[in-house]
N, C-alpha and C. Protein backbone atom coordinates (compact mmCIF):
# COMPACT_ATOMS: atom_id res chain seq x y z
N MET A 1 77.62 144.75 111.17
CA MET A 1 77.83 143.75 110.15
C MET A 1 76.71 142.71 110.27
N ASP A 2 75.97 142.56 109.21
CA ASP A 2 74.88 141.59 109.25
C ASP A 2 75.19 140.39 108.35
N MET A 3 74.24 139.51 108.23
CA MET A 3 74.44 138.26 107.49
C MET A 3 74.74 138.51 106.02
N ASN A 4 74.15 139.53 105.43
CA ASN A 4 74.39 139.83 104.02
C ASN A 4 75.84 140.27 103.77
N ASP A 5 76.43 140.98 104.72
CA ASP A 5 77.84 141.37 104.59
C ASP A 5 78.74 140.13 104.61
N LEU A 6 78.44 139.21 105.51
CA LEU A 6 79.22 137.98 105.58
C LEU A 6 79.09 137.16 104.30
N ARG A 7 77.89 137.10 103.76
CA ARG A 7 77.68 136.38 102.50
C ARG A 7 78.46 137.02 101.36
N GLY A 8 78.49 138.33 101.32
CA GLY A 8 79.24 139.04 100.29
C GLY A 8 80.73 138.79 100.41
N ILE A 9 81.24 138.83 101.63
CA ILE A 9 82.67 138.57 101.85
C ILE A 9 83.01 137.13 101.47
N LEU A 10 82.17 136.18 101.87
CA LEU A 10 82.40 134.78 101.53
C LEU A 10 82.36 134.56 100.02
N THR A 11 81.45 135.21 99.34
CA THR A 11 81.38 135.10 97.88
C THR A 11 82.65 135.63 97.24
N ALA A 12 83.15 136.76 97.72
CA ALA A 12 84.38 137.33 97.18
C ALA A 12 85.57 136.41 97.43
N VAL A 13 85.66 135.83 98.63
CA VAL A 13 86.77 134.92 98.95
C VAL A 13 86.74 133.70 98.05
N ILE A 14 85.56 133.11 97.87
CA ILE A 14 85.43 131.93 97.01
C ILE A 14 85.74 132.28 95.56
N PHE A 15 85.32 133.45 95.10
CA PHE A 15 85.61 133.88 93.74
C PHE A 15 87.11 134.02 93.52
N PHE A 16 87.81 134.66 94.44
CA PHE A 16 89.25 134.83 94.28
C PHE A 16 90.00 133.51 94.40
N ALA A 17 89.50 132.60 95.22
CA ALA A 17 90.10 131.27 95.30
C ALA A 17 89.93 130.54 93.96
N PHE A 18 88.75 130.66 93.36
CA PHE A 18 88.50 130.05 92.05
C PHE A 18 89.45 130.61 91.00
N ILE A 19 89.60 131.92 90.96
CA ILE A 19 90.51 132.56 90.01
C ILE A 19 91.94 132.08 90.24
N GLY A 20 92.35 131.97 91.51
CA GLY A 20 93.70 131.49 91.83
C GLY A 20 93.92 130.07 91.37
N ILE A 21 92.94 129.21 91.55
CA ILE A 21 93.07 127.81 91.10
C ILE A 21 93.15 127.75 89.57
N CYS A 22 92.36 128.56 88.89
CA CYS A 22 92.42 128.60 87.42
C CYS A 22 93.80 129.05 86.94
N ILE A 23 94.35 130.08 87.55
CA ILE A 23 95.68 130.56 87.17
C ILE A 23 96.72 129.50 87.44
N TRP A 24 96.63 128.82 88.58
CA TRP A 24 97.58 127.75 88.92
C TRP A 24 97.49 126.61 87.91
N ALA A 25 96.27 126.20 87.56
CA ALA A 25 96.08 125.07 86.67
C ALA A 25 96.54 125.36 85.25
N TRP A 26 96.39 126.56 84.80
CA TRP A 26 96.75 126.91 83.43
C TRP A 26 98.14 127.53 83.31
N SER A 27 98.91 127.57 84.39
CA SER A 27 100.24 128.17 84.31
C SER A 27 101.18 127.28 83.50
N SER A 28 102.15 127.88 82.87
CA SER A 28 103.08 127.13 82.02
C SER A 28 104.00 126.22 82.84
N ARG A 29 104.19 126.50 84.12
CA ARG A 29 105.01 125.63 84.97
C ARG A 29 104.36 124.27 85.18
N ARG A 30 103.04 124.19 85.10
CA ARG A 30 102.31 122.95 85.35
C ARG A 30 102.14 122.10 84.09
N LYS A 31 102.46 122.65 82.93
CA LYS A 31 102.21 121.97 81.66
C LYS A 31 102.92 120.62 81.59
N LYS A 32 104.16 120.56 82.01
CA LYS A 32 104.94 119.32 81.95
C LYS A 32 104.29 118.23 82.82
N ASP A 33 103.87 118.59 84.03
CA ASP A 33 103.22 117.63 84.93
C ASP A 33 101.90 117.12 84.36
N PHE A 34 101.10 118.02 83.80
CA PHE A 34 99.82 117.62 83.25
C PHE A 34 99.97 116.76 82.00
N GLU A 35 100.98 117.04 81.17
CA GLU A 35 101.21 116.21 79.99
C GLU A 35 101.64 114.80 80.40
N ALA A 36 102.47 114.70 81.42
CA ALA A 36 102.88 113.38 81.91
C ALA A 36 101.70 112.61 82.49
N THR A 37 100.84 113.28 83.22
CA THR A 37 99.67 112.64 83.80
C THR A 37 98.68 112.23 82.71
N ALA A 38 98.53 113.03 81.68
CA ALA A 38 97.61 112.71 80.59
C ALA A 38 98.07 111.49 79.81
N ALA A 39 99.38 111.23 79.77
CA ALA A 39 99.91 110.10 79.02
C ALA A 39 99.85 108.78 79.79
N LEU A 40 99.55 108.80 81.07
CA LEU A 40 99.52 107.59 81.88
C LEU A 40 98.60 106.49 81.33
N PRO A 41 97.38 106.79 80.91
CA PRO A 41 96.52 105.70 80.41
C PRO A 41 97.04 105.04 79.13
N LEU A 42 97.93 105.71 78.41
CA LEU A 42 98.44 105.19 77.15
C LEU A 42 99.69 104.33 77.33
N GLU A 43 100.27 104.33 78.50
CA GLU A 43 101.49 103.57 78.74
C GLU A 43 101.16 102.10 78.95
N GLU A 44 102.10 101.25 78.57
CA GLU A 44 101.93 99.81 78.76
C GLU A 44 102.08 99.46 80.23
N ASP A 45 101.31 98.49 80.67
CA ASP A 45 101.43 98.02 82.04
C ASP A 45 102.65 97.12 82.17
N LYS A 46 103.32 97.21 83.29
CA LYS A 46 104.47 96.37 83.56
C LYS A 46 103.96 95.06 84.17
N VAL A 47 104.34 93.96 83.58
CA VAL A 47 103.92 92.65 84.08
C VAL A 47 104.94 92.20 85.12
N LEU A 48 104.45 91.91 86.32
CA LEU A 48 105.34 91.48 87.39
C LEU A 48 105.50 89.96 87.36
N THR A 49 106.72 89.53 87.53
CA THR A 49 106.96 88.10 87.65
C THR A 49 106.67 87.69 89.08
N THR A 50 106.63 86.40 89.32
CA THR A 50 106.34 85.89 90.65
C THR A 50 107.35 86.39 91.67
N ASN A 51 108.61 86.42 91.28
CA ASN A 51 109.66 86.87 92.18
C ASN A 51 109.49 88.35 92.53
N GLU A 52 109.11 89.17 91.57
CA GLU A 52 108.91 90.60 91.84
C GLU A 52 107.70 90.82 92.74
N ARG A 53 106.65 90.02 92.60
CA ARG A 53 105.47 90.14 93.46
C ARG A 53 105.80 89.84 94.91
N GLU A 54 106.64 88.85 95.12
CA GLU A 54 107.03 88.47 96.49
C GLU A 54 107.85 89.56 97.15
N ASN A 55 108.64 90.27 96.37
CA ASN A 55 109.50 91.33 96.91
C ASN A 55 108.70 92.61 97.19
N ASN A 56 107.57 92.77 96.56
CA ASN A 56 106.76 93.99 96.76
C ASN A 56 105.80 93.71 97.83
């Protein structure tokens, strides 16, 4: 086994990891989480009163 074999194996491992991440990211189970995360910048900020700041 020489360096080129190791490079080929590493390339294959990274390729399959990439495919796995793509499948995970685009799965229908993740859609709800991603939609909630995408809506975060559009939500109103909660204004804390002085009393709430002291308690946090």
